[in-house]
C-alpha cells in the first residue's frame, strides 16, 4: 500500500487553490462540500468559482503565484494552474513548510490525492488509484453507487445515535461488534433504509433487550493454493467477521490481507521439522478461543480435509461441544494443475487420479507402490519435494517405466509459480539448479505431456 487513505476534517479551515479555471472550480466544489473556507489565487477567475469563494467566506487574490505568498495560514493547498512549472513551485514551497499539497493530474507533485467519492453522509467511500487511473476510479464509483442503498447514510447516523446506549449495555467490544452485525441484517435496519426512522427507533429498545451474548464458533476455512481470487464467497464473508485468525504457513499474504484488519492473528505454521505449534496445541487453542466466546477463523492452505488435518481439529471441537463450520477450499492438486495447464484426467491418457502425501517417515516414503504403477492413472503427491528422488526410484523399481512424464509445480496459482517438467528418470536432477522450492506439488502421468499445448499462465 503506497498511500494511506485518510479523511480530513476541514470545517471552517482555510484552504488555498492556485488557479482560477474550470479545474480549480471542480476541486473547490469538493472543499466546499467539506465546509472548508476557500481562498483562490489567480490572475483571473471563473464566475462560478468566484461565487463558491464568496459562499465559503473565502477570498479571491487577483495575482499570479509568488514565493512570497504566506502559506502557513493554510491547512492544505491545491495547485490547479495550466502551468506545470508553477504547479511544481507550489509543491516545493508547500513541502518546505510541511503543508499538504496536491498538484492536479501530477502525482509526483502531490502529498495527497483527491479520490473518487461516494457520498452517503455521514458515510463516505473513497476510491483512489494513486493518480494512475482516475477514469477507472470513477467507473468503479459508478458501479458501487448502483449497489448501495440511497439511505445508507441514515443508517450510519441512526447507529451513531444509539451507540452510547449499546456501549452501556454491551461492555465487551467483540460482543458489541456482533450486535451491530446482527442489527444491520435485521428489520430495524430495513426500516431505516426505507426512511421509517420513527418506527426503527421504537423497535430498537426491544431489539437490544432480546440480545443474547454470542457463543464462540470456529470456521475451518480452506484458503486454496494461493491465488486470492480462488476463495469462495462464504470463506471471504467468514474471514471478514472472525475475531481471531489462526493461520498456516501455506496461507499467502494476499489472502491474509482479506481478513478483518483488526482481528488478532496467530501463526501456527508447520514446515518440515519445524512446527511453530504442535497439532495437539492447535486443537487446544481452537477450543480455548471458542470457549472464550470468540469467532475463530482457522485458515488453512488448500482444502482442510485433504492432507490438512481438518478432521483431527473438528474431532476435538466436537468433543468439546464447540460450534463449528467447514468451508472447503480448492485443493493444491486441482488449483496448481489447472494453472500449470495439466488436466488431471483426460479421456485419452488418465481415467483415474490419486492424491498422495510425499512426507518421509524414517527417511523413506511409505506408499502402496504396487497400486501406483498403472499406466492410465495420474498421481499427485503433496509435499514430496524432499523425497522426490526416492519416490521416483521406488516407482521405477516396482515396474513403472522410467520415461513416465513428471511435472513439479512450485508456488502454484501465484505470480511466483514455477513449473519443471521431466521424467521419472531425470526429474530429480532437473530440480538441482532450477530454484524450485516448497510448497511444491508433483504430478506424475501421461497428462503432463499436454502442458506444452494447454499451458496458459
Protein backbone atom coordinates (compact mmCIF):
# COMPACT_ATOMS: atom_id res chain seq x y z
CA UNK A 1 0.00 0.00 0.00
CA UNK A 2 1.78 3.13 -1.25
CA UNK A 3 -0.87 5.56 0.01
CA UNK A 4 -2.66 5.85 3.35
CA UNK A 5 -6.38 6.65 2.91
CA UNK A 6 -7.49 9.24 5.47
CA UNK A 7 -10.40 11.65 5.85
CA UNK A 8 -9.72 15.29 6.77
CA UNK A 9 -11.90 17.49 8.98
CA UNK A 10 -11.77 20.79 7.09
CA UNK A 11 -14.82 22.54 8.50
CA UNK A 12 -14.03 26.28 8.66
CA UNK A 13 -10.39 25.57 7.84
CA UNK A 14 -8.70 27.90 5.37
CA UNK A 15 -7.53 26.19 2.16
CA UNK A 16 -5.83 27.67 -0.92
CA UNK A 17 -6.37 26.89 -4.58
CA UNK A 18 -3.78 28.28 -7.00
CA UNK A 19 -5.56 28.68 -10.32
CA UNK A 20 -8.90 30.19 -11.33
CA UNK A 21 -10.16 27.97 -14.14
CA UNK A 22 -12.60 25.10 -14.52
CA UNK A 23 -10.30 22.51 -12.95
CA UNK A 24 -9.84 24.73 -9.92
CA UNK A 25 -13.62 25.08 -9.68
CA UNK A 26 -14.12 21.29 -9.65
CA UNK A 27 -11.64 20.91 -6.78
CA UNK A 28 -13.21 23.86 -4.96
CA UNK A 29 -16.59 22.11 -5.03
CA UNK A 30 -15.14 19.20 -3.03
CA UNK A 31 -13.61 21.55 -0.47
CA UNK A 32 -16.86 23.47 -0.20
CA UNK A 33 -18.78 20.24 0.41
CA UNK A 34 -16.39 19.64 3.32
CA UNK A 35 -17.28 23.12 4.69
CA UNK A 36 -13.79 24.50 4.09
CA UNK A 37 -13.07 28.20 3.69
CA UNK A 38 -11.56 28.62 0.21
CA UNK A 39 -9.07 31.23 -0.98
CA UNK A 40 -8.20 31.37 -4.69
CA UNK A 41 -5.01 32.88 -6.08
CA UNK A 42 -5.08 33.53 -9.84
CA UNK A 43 -4.75 36.42 -12.32
CA UNK A 44 -8.35 35.73 -13.48
CA UNK A 45 -11.20 33.67 -12.05
CA UNK A 46 -14.22 31.88 -13.47
CA UNK A 47 -17.55 33.35 -12.28
CA UNK A 48 -18.78 30.07 -10.74
CA UNK A 49 -15.51 29.74 -8.81
CA UNK A 50 -15.81 33.34 -7.62
CA UNK A 51 -19.31 32.57 -6.32
CA UNK A 52 -18.05 29.49 -4.47
CA UNK A 53 -15.25 31.50 -2.84
CA UNK A 54 -17.76 34.06 -1.57
CA UNK A 55 -20.13 31.33 -0.37
CA UNK A 56 -17.39 29.80 1.81
CA UNK A 57 -16.33 33.21 3.19
CA UNK A 58 -13.00 32.93 1.39
CA UNK A 59 -11.01 35.49 -0.59
CA UNK A 60 -10.11 35.92 -4.22
CA UNK A 61 -6.48 37.08 -4.55
CA UNK A 62 -6.10 38.52 -8.10
CA UNK A 63 -2.42 37.83 -8.74
CA UNK A 64 0.00 35.26 -10.15
CA UNK A 65 1.64 32.85 -7.74
CA UNK A 66 4.68 34.19 -5.91
CA UNK A 67 7.06 32.52 -3.48
CA UNK A 68 6.49 35.50 -1.19
CA UNK A 69 2.94 34.27 -0.53
CA UNK A 70 2.42 33.36 3.12
CA UNK A 71 1.39 29.71 3.03
CA UNK A 72 1.41 28.99 6.76
CA UNK A 73 -2.18 30.22 7.03
CA UNK A 74 -3.47 27.23 5.08
CA UNK A 75 -4.35 23.64 6.08
CA UNK A 76 -3.84 22.42 2.53
CA UNK A 77 -3.07 23.78 -0.92
CA UNK A 78 -4.17 22.68 -4.40
CA UNK A 79 -2.15 23.70 -7.46
CA UNK A 80 -4.61 23.78 -10.37
CA UNK A 81 -2.97 26.00 -13.00
CA UNK A 82 -2.20 25.03 -16.59
CA UNK A 83 1.49 25.80 -16.00
CA UNK A 84 3.49 22.77 -14.84
CA UNK A 85 6.36 24.99 -13.68
CA UNK A 86 4.05 26.99 -11.38
CA UNK A 87 2.47 23.80 -10.01
CA UNK A 88 5.91 22.34 -9.29
CA UNK A 89 6.94 25.52 -7.47
CA UNK A 90 3.78 25.46 -5.35
CA UNK A 91 4.58 21.87 -4.43
CA UNK A 92 8.18 22.68 -3.48
CA UNK A 93 7.14 25.65 -1.33
CA UNK A 94 4.46 23.64 0.48
CA UNK A 95 6.87 20.76 1.04
CA UNK A 96 9.33 23.14 2.68
CA UNK A 97 6.62 24.18 5.14
CA UNK A 98 5.11 20.67 5.65
CA UNK A 99 1.76 21.76 4.20
CA UNK A 100 -0.42 19.19 2.47
CA UNK A 101 -0.37 19.89 -1.26
CA UNK A 102 -1.98 18.43 -4.38
CA UNK A 103 -0.99 19.22 -7.95
CA UNK A 104 -3.86 18.28 -10.23
CA UNK A 105 -3.04 15.40 -12.59
CA UNK A 106 0.60 15.46 -11.48
CA UNK A 107 1.16 12.58 -8.99
CA UNK A 108 4.91 13.23 -8.43
CA UNK A 109 3.98 16.69 -7.10
CA UNK A 110 1.28 15.51 -4.70
CA UNK A 111 1.44 14.92 -0.97
CA UNK A 112 -2.22 13.83 -1.04
CA UNK A 113 -4.61 12.62 -3.74
CA UNK A 114 -8.24 13.51 -4.37
CA UNK A 115 -10.14 10.20 -4.65
CA UNK A 116 -13.40 9.43 -6.38
CA UNK A 117 -16.00 9.84 -3.64
CA UNK A 118 -19.30 8.13 -2.89
CA UNK A 119 -21.20 10.45 -0.57
CA UNK A 120 -23.80 8.93 1.74
CA UNK A 121 -23.04 11.37 4.53
CA UNK A 122 -22.03 10.70 7.19
CA UNK A 123 -20.82 7.64 5.29
CA UNK A 124 -18.06 8.40 2.78
CA UNK A 125 -16.42 5.87 0.47
CA UNK A 126 -13.31 6.92 -1.41
CA UNK A 127 -11.71 5.11 -4.36
CA UNK A 128 -8.13 6.00 -5.21
CA UNK A 129 -5.66 4.76 -7.79
CA UNK A 130 -2.70 6.88 -6.70
CA UNK A 131 -3.25 9.11 -9.72
CA UNK A 132 -2.55 6.23 -12.10
CA UNK A 133 -6.10 5.83 -13.44
CA UNK A 134 -8.68 8.39 -12.30
CA UNK A 135 -11.10 7.27 -15.04
CA UNK A 136 -11.10 3.73 -13.64
CA UNK A 137 -11.71 5.11 -10.15
CA UNK A 138 -14.77 6.99 -11.45
CA UNK A 139 -16.07 3.87 -13.21
CA UNK A 140 -15.73 1.86 -10.02
CA UNK A 141 -17.51 4.61 -8.12
CA UNK A 142 -20.42 4.35 -10.56
CA UNK A 143 -20.61 0.58 -10.14
CA UNK A 144 -20.54 0.79 -6.33
CA UNK A 145 -23.09 3.62 -6.29
CA UNK A 146 -25.54 1.30 -8.01
CA UNK A 147 -25.46 -1.35 -5.25
CA UNK A 148 -25.60 0.93 -2.21
CA UNK A 149 -28.97 1.91 -0.72
CA UNK A 150 -29.75 5.59 -1.10
CA UNK A 151 -30.43 5.99 2.62
CA UNK A 152 -27.30 4.19 3.83
CA UNK A 153 -26.15 7.43 5.40
CA UNK A 154 -29.31 7.44 7.52
CA UNK A 155 -28.35 4.02 8.87
CA UNK A 156 -24.92 5.35 9.82
CA UNK A 157 -26.48 8.33 11.60
CA UNK A 158 -29.00 6.05 13.34
CA UNK A 159 -26.14 3.85 14.58
CA UNK A 160 -24.33 6.90 15.91
CA UNK A 161 -27.39 7.97 17.90
CA UNK A 162 -27.74 4.55 19.54
CA UNK A 163 -24.04 3.87 20.00
CA UNK A 164 -23.78 5.20 23.59
CA UNK A 165 -26.77 3.10 24.73
CA UNK A 166 -25.39 -0.03 23.05
CA UNK A 167 -21.97 0.54 24.57
CA UNK A 168 -23.51 0.88 28.02
CA UNK A 169 -25.49 -2.35 27.64
CA UNK A 170 -22.73 -4.45 26.00
CA UNK A 171 -19.35 -3.78 27.58
CA UNK A 172 -17.36 -6.40 25.64
CA UNK A 173 -16.20 -4.85 22.32
CA UNK A 174 -16.14 -8.22 20.50
CA UNK A 175 -19.73 -8.94 21.52
CA UNK A 176 -20.69 -5.38 20.64
CA UNK A 177 -19.34 -5.93 17.14
CA UNK A 178 -21.55 -9.00 16.74
CA UNK A 179 -24.55 -6.96 17.94
CA UNK A 180 -24.03 -4.35 15.24
CA UNK A 181 -23.54 -7.02 12.57
CA UNK A 182 -26.87 -8.58 13.52
CA UNK A 183 -28.57 -5.19 13.64
CA UNK A 184 -27.52 -4.38 10.07
CA UNK A 185 -29.28 -7.51 8.79
CA UNK A 186 -32.39 -7.01 10.94
CA UNK A 187 -35.85 -5.50 10.27
CA UNK A 188 -34.74 -2.46 12.30
CA UNK A 189 -32.12 -1.62 9.69
CA UNK A 190 -34.64 -2.23 6.91
CA UNK A 191 -36.98 0.33 8.49
CA UNK A 192 -34.17 2.92 8.49
CA UNK A 193 -33.29 2.22 4.85
CA UNK A 194 -36.96 2.60 3.96
CA UNK A 195 -37.00 6.02 5.57
CA UNK A 196 -39.08 4.94 8.59
CA UNK A 197 -36.78 6.35 11.27
CA UNK A 198 -39.53 6.67 13.92
CA UNK A 199 -40.54 3.02 13.58
CA UNK A 200 -36.91 1.94 13.72
CA UNK A 201 -36.31 3.99 16.87
CA UNK A 202 -39.40 2.50 18.50
CA UNK A 203 -38.21 -1.05 17.68
CA UNK A 204 -34.64 -0.54 18.85
CA UNK A 205 -35.19 -0.98 22.65
CA UNK A 206 -36.83 -4.37 22.12
CA UNK A 207 -34.04 -5.45 19.76
CA UNK A 208 -31.46 -4.53 22.39
CA UNK A 209 -33.39 -6.28 25.15
CA UNK A 210 -33.60 -9.51 23.16
CA UNK A 211 -29.85 -9.51 22.58
CA UNK A 212 -28.02 -12.55 23.89
CA UNK A 213 -24.29 -12.95 24.29
CA UNK A 214 -22.92 -14.93 21.34
CA UNK A 215 -21.24 -18.28 21.79
CA UNK A 216 -17.84 -18.90 20.33
CA UNK A 217 -17.51 -20.63 16.99
CA UNK A 218 -14.74 -21.96 14.75
CA UNK A 219 -14.71 -21.53 10.98
CA UNK A 220 -12.45 -24.16 9.38
CA UNK A 221 -11.69 -22.48 6.06
CA UNK A 222 -9.74 -23.71 3.06
CA UNK A 223 -7.73 -20.80 1.67
CA UNK A 224 -6.88 -22.56 -1.58
CA UNK A 225 -3.42 -22.82 -3.15
CA UNK A 226 -2.53 -19.12 -3.07
CA UNK A 227 -4.49 -17.02 -5.56
CA UNK A 228 -7.00 -14.94 -3.52
CA UNK A 229 -9.43 -14.96 -6.46
CA UNK A 230 -9.99 -18.67 -5.80
CA UNK A 231 -11.57 -18.07 -2.38
CA UNK A 232 -15.26 -18.84 -2.04
CA UNK A 233 -17.77 -16.13 -1.16
CA UNK A 234 -18.51 -17.88 2.12
CA UNK A 235 -14.82 -18.06 3.03
CA UNK A 236 -14.40 -14.33 2.45
CA UNK A 237 -17.51 -13.47 4.46
CA UNK A 238 -16.42 -15.51 7.49
CA UNK A 239 -12.83 -14.24 7.25
CA UNK A 240 -14.22 -10.72 7.49
CA UNK A 241 -16.26 -11.35 10.62
CA UNK A 242 -13.84 -13.52 12.65
CA UNK A 243 -12.30 -12.10 15.83
CA UNK A 244 -9.18 -14.28 15.62
CA UNK A 245 -7.30 -15.67 12.61
CA UNK A 246 -5.33 -18.88 13.25
CA UNK A 247 -3.34 -19.48 10.08
CA UNK A 248 -0.85 -21.86 8.49
CA UNK A 249 2.43 -21.35 6.67
CA UNK A 250 0.80 -22.05 3.30
CA UNK A 251 -1.71 -19.18 3.56
CA UNK A 252 -0.49 -16.45 1.21
CA UNK A 253 -0.09 -12.84 2.27
CA UNK A 254 -2.71 -11.52 -0.21
CA UNK A 255 -5.27 -13.88 1.35
CA UNK A 256 -4.35 -12.84 4.90
CA UNK A 257 -4.88 -9.23 3.82
CA UNK A 258 -8.52 -10.06 3.08
CA UNK A 259 -9.16 -10.98 6.72
CA UNK A 260 -10.64 -8.42 9.08
CA UNK A 261 -7.85 -5.93 9.75
CA UNK A 262 -8.43 -5.60 13.49
CA UNK A 263 -8.69 -9.36 14.10
CA UNK A 264 -5.98 -10.98 16.23
CA UNK A 265 -3.63 -13.15 14.18
CA UNK A 266 -1.97 -16.29 15.50
CA UNK A 267 0.59 -18.10 13.36
CA UNK A 268 0.68 -21.89 13.81
CA UNK A 269 2.53 -22.80 10.63
CA UNK A 270 4.26 -26.11 10.19
CA UNK A 271 7.27 -26.59 7.97
CA UNK A 272 9.27 -29.78 7.65
CA UNK A 273 10.96 -30.49 11.03
CA UNK A 274 9.87 -27.06 12.26
CA UNK A 275 6.41 -26.88 13.80
CA UNK A 276 5.58 -23.48 15.28
CA UNK A 277 2.79 -25.17 17.25
CA UNK A 278 2.24 -28.92 17.51
CA UNK A 279 -1.10 -30.22 16.19
CA UNK A 280 -2.33 -31.03 19.70
CA UNK A 281 -1.60 -27.44 20.70
CA UNK A 282 -3.53 -26.10 17.73
CA UNK A 283 -6.53 -28.24 18.64
CA UNK A 284 -6.46 -26.99 22.23
CA UNK A 285 -6.02 -23.38 21.07
CA UNK A 286 -9.12 -23.52 18.87
CA UNK A 287 -11.20 -24.94 21.72
CA UNK A 288 -9.95 -22.35 24.20
CA UNK A 289 -10.55 -19.36 21.92
CA UNK A 290 -14.08 -20.51 21.07
CA UNK A 291 -14.90 -21.14 24.72
CA UNK A 292 -13.87 -17.54 25.39
CA UNK A 293 -16.73 -16.51 23.09
CA UNK A 294 -14.58 -15.62 20.07
CA UNK A 295 -15.31 -16.31 16.44
CA UNK A 296 -12.21 -18.11 15.23
CA UNK A 297 -11.15 -18.41 11.59
CA UNK A 298 -8.91 -21.47 11.24
CA UNK A 299 -7.34 -20.66 7.89
CA UNK A 300 -5.58 -23.48 6.05
CA UNK A 301 -3.86 -23.61 2.70
CA UNK A 302 -5.69 -25.69 0.12
CA UNK A 303 -8.63 -27.71 1.44
CA UNK A 304 -8.81 -28.52 5.17
CA UNK A 305 -9.92 -32.11 4.54
CA UNK A 306 -7.21 -33.02 2.02
CA UNK A 307 -3.93 -33.55 3.90
CA UNK A 308 -4.90 -30.58 6.07
CA UNK A 309 -5.65 -32.36 9.37
CA UNK A 310 -9.03 -30.66 9.41
CA UNK A 311 -10.68 -33.87 10.53
CA UNK A 312 -8.46 -34.03 13.62
CA UNK A 313 -9.31 -30.46 14.54
CA UNK A 314 -13.07 -30.78 14.26
CA UNK A 315 -12.96 -34.05 16.22
CA UNK A 316 -11.53 -32.02 19.09
CA UNK A 317 -14.13 -29.27 18.62
CA UNK A 318 -16.94 -31.82 18.54
CA UNK A 319 -15.70 -33.46 21.75
CA UNK A 320 -15.60 -30.05 23.46
CA UNK A 321 -19.10 -29.19 22.14
CA UNK A 322 -17.78 -26.17 20.28
CA UNK A 323 -19.84 -24.95 17.35
CA UNK A 324 -18.02 -25.05 14.01
CA UNK A 325 -18.41 -24.69 10.26
CA UNK A 326 -16.27 -26.18 7.48
CA UNK A 327 -15.69 -24.20 4.30
CA UNK A 328 -13.98 -26.27 1.57
CA UNK A 329 -11.19 -24.73 -0.44
CA UNK A 330 -9.63 -25.51 -3.81
CA UNK A 331 -7.01 -28.13 -3.06
CA UNK A 332 -3.50 -27.71 -4.45
CA UNK A 333 -3.92 -30.69 -6.78
CA UNK A 334 -6.72 -29.10 -8.79
CA UNK A 335 -5.58 -25.48 -8.43
CA UNK A 336 -1.91 -25.94 -9.28
CA UNK A 337 -2.52 -28.44 -12.08
CA UNK A 338 -5.08 -26.12 -13.70
CA UNK A 339 -2.75 -23.11 -13.53
CA UNK A 340 0.07 -25.24 -14.92
CA UNK A 341 -2.08 -26.36 -17.89
CA UNK A 342 -2.14 -30.02 -16.84
CA UNK A 343 -5.58 -31.71 -16.69
CA UNK A 344 -5.52 -34.41 -14.02
CA UNK A 345 -7.83 -36.65 -16.04
CA UNK A 346 -8.21 -36.99 -19.78
CA UNK A 347 -10.16 -39.49 -21.85
CA UNK A 348 -7.06 -40.49 -23.83
CA UNK A 349 -4.49 -40.55 -21.01
CA UNK A 350 -5.89 -40.96 -17.50
CA UNK A 351 -9.19 -42.37 -16.26
CA UNK A 352 -8.31 -42.03 -12.57
CA UNK A 353 -6.31 -39.78 -10.28
CA UNK A 354 -4.81 -40.45 -6.85
CA UNK A 355 -3.80 -37.89 -4.23
CA UNK A 356 -0.86 -38.94 -2.04
CA UNK A 357 1.38 -37.34 0.54
CA UNK A 358 5.10 -37.49 -0.11
CA UNK A 359 6.11 -36.95 3.51
CA UNK A 360 9.03 -39.10 4.56
CA UNK A 361 8.79 -41.43 7.53
CA UNK A 362 12.14 -42.50 8.95
CA UNK A 363 13.85 -41.17 5.82
CA UNK A 364 11.70 -43.06 3.33
CA UNK A 365 8.24 -42.52 1.82
CA UNK A 366 5.77 -45.27 2.72
CA UNK A 367 3.35 -45.69 -0.17
CA UNK A 368 1.47 -48.66 -1.73
CA UNK A 369 3.89 -48.81 -4.67
CA UNK A 370 2.30 -51.77 -6.48
CA UNK A 371 -1.06 -49.95 -6.63
CA UNK A 372 0.56 -46.83 -8.05
CA UNK A 373 2.16 -48.45 -11.08
CA UNK A 374 -0.71 -48.15 -13.53
CA UNK A 375 -0.46 -46.63 -16.99
CA UNK A 376 -3.75 -44.73 -17.31
CA UNK A 377 -3.61 -43.03 -13.93
CA UNK A 378 -2.39 -39.66 -12.66
CA UNK A 379 -0.53 -39.48 -9.37
CA UNK A 380 -0.46 -36.23 -7.42
CA UNK A 381 1.95 -36.01 -4.50
CA UNK A 382 1.69 -33.29 -1.90
CA UNK A 383 4.83 -32.25 0.00
CA UNK A 384 7.01 -34.61 -2.00
CA UNK A 385 9.94 -32.38 -2.97
CA UNK A 386 12.36 -33.63 -0.31
CA UNK A 387 11.69 -37.31 -1.05
CA UNK A 388 11.38 -36.87 -4.83
CA UNK A 389 14.41 -38.93 -5.81
CA UNK A 390 13.41 -41.89 -3.61
CA UNK A 391 9.82 -41.75 -4.85
CA UNK A 392 10.98 -41.92 -8.47
CA UNK A 393 13.34 -44.76 -7.67
CA UNK A 394 10.60 -46.77 -5.96
CA UNK A 395 8.13 -46.31 -8.79
CA UNK A 396 10.70 -47.47 -11.35
CA UNK A 397 11.71 -50.40 -9.10
CA UNK A 398 8.08 -51.54 -8.94
CA UNK A 399 7.61 -51.54 -12.68
CA UNK A 400 6.80 -48.01 -13.82
CA UNK A 401 8.63 -47.04 -16.99
CA UNK A 402 11.46 -44.51 -16.46
CA UNK A 403 10.20 -42.18 -19.22
CA UNK A 404 6.84 -41.57 -17.46
CA UNK A 405 6.33 -37.75 -17.56
CA UNK A 406 6.60 -35.77 -14.31
CA UNK A 407 5.86 -32.12 -13.50
CA UNK A 408 6.75 -30.14 -10.40
CA UNK A 409 4.63 -27.06 -9.71
CA UNK A 410 6.12 -24.69 -7.15
CA UNK A 411 4.04 -21.92 -5.54
CA UNK A 412 1.20 -22.74 -7.89
CA UNK A 413 -1.52 -20.18 -8.78
CA UNK A 414 0.67 -17.30 -7.53
CA UNK A 415 2.78 -14.85 -9.57
CA UNK A 416 5.85 -16.83 -8.41
CA UNK A 417 4.59 -20.08 -9.95
CA UNK A 418 7.39 -22.23 -11.42
CA UNK A 419 6.95 -25.48 -13.36
CA UNK A 420 9.71 -28.01 -14.04
CA UNK A 421 8.94 -30.93 -16.39
CA UNK A 422 10.88 -34.16 -16.82
CA UNK A 423 10.54 -37.91 -16.42
CA UNK A 424 10.87 -40.31 -13.53
CA UNK A 425 14.44 -40.93 -14.65
CA UNK A 426 15.64 -37.32 -14.77
CA UNK A 427 13.28 -35.06 -12.79
CA UNK A 428 15.39 -35.22 -9.61
CA UNK A 429 18.46 -33.96 -11.46
CA UNK A 430 16.44 -31.18 -13.11
CA UNK A 431 15.39 -29.84 -9.71
CA UNK A 432 19.02 -29.04 -8.88
CA UNK A 433 19.74 -25.50 -10.01
CA UNK A 434 16.13 -24.81 -11.03
CA UNK A 435 15.45 -22.65 -7.98
CA UNK A 436 12.26 -24.57 -7.31
CA UNK A 437 11.24 -24.59 -3.65
CA UNK A 438 8.41 -25.65 -1.37
CA UNK A 439 5.47 -25.60 -1.44
CA UNK A 440 5.69 -27.90 -4.46
CA UNK A 441 3.20 -30.30 -6.00
CA UNK A 442 4.34 -33.35 -8.00
CA UNK A 443 2.22 -34.63 -10.91
CA UNK A 444 3.11 -37.99 -12.49
CA UNK A 445 1.36 -39.32 -15.58
CA UNK A 446 0.85 -39.05 -19.32
CA UNK A 447 -1.34 -35.95 -18.83
CA UNK A 448 1.85 -33.94 -18.18
CA UNK A 449 2.53 -34.12 -21.94
CA UNK A 450 -0.48 -31.85 -22.51
CA UNK A 451 1.18 -28.91 -20.75
CA UNK A 452 3.02 -27.72 -23.88
CA UNK A 453 -0.33 -27.36 -25.65
CA UNK A 454 -2.52 -26.20 -22.76
CA UNK A 455 -0.33 -24.00 -20.56
CA UNK A 456 -1.92 -20.59 -20.25
CA UNK A 457 -0.39 -18.88 -17.24
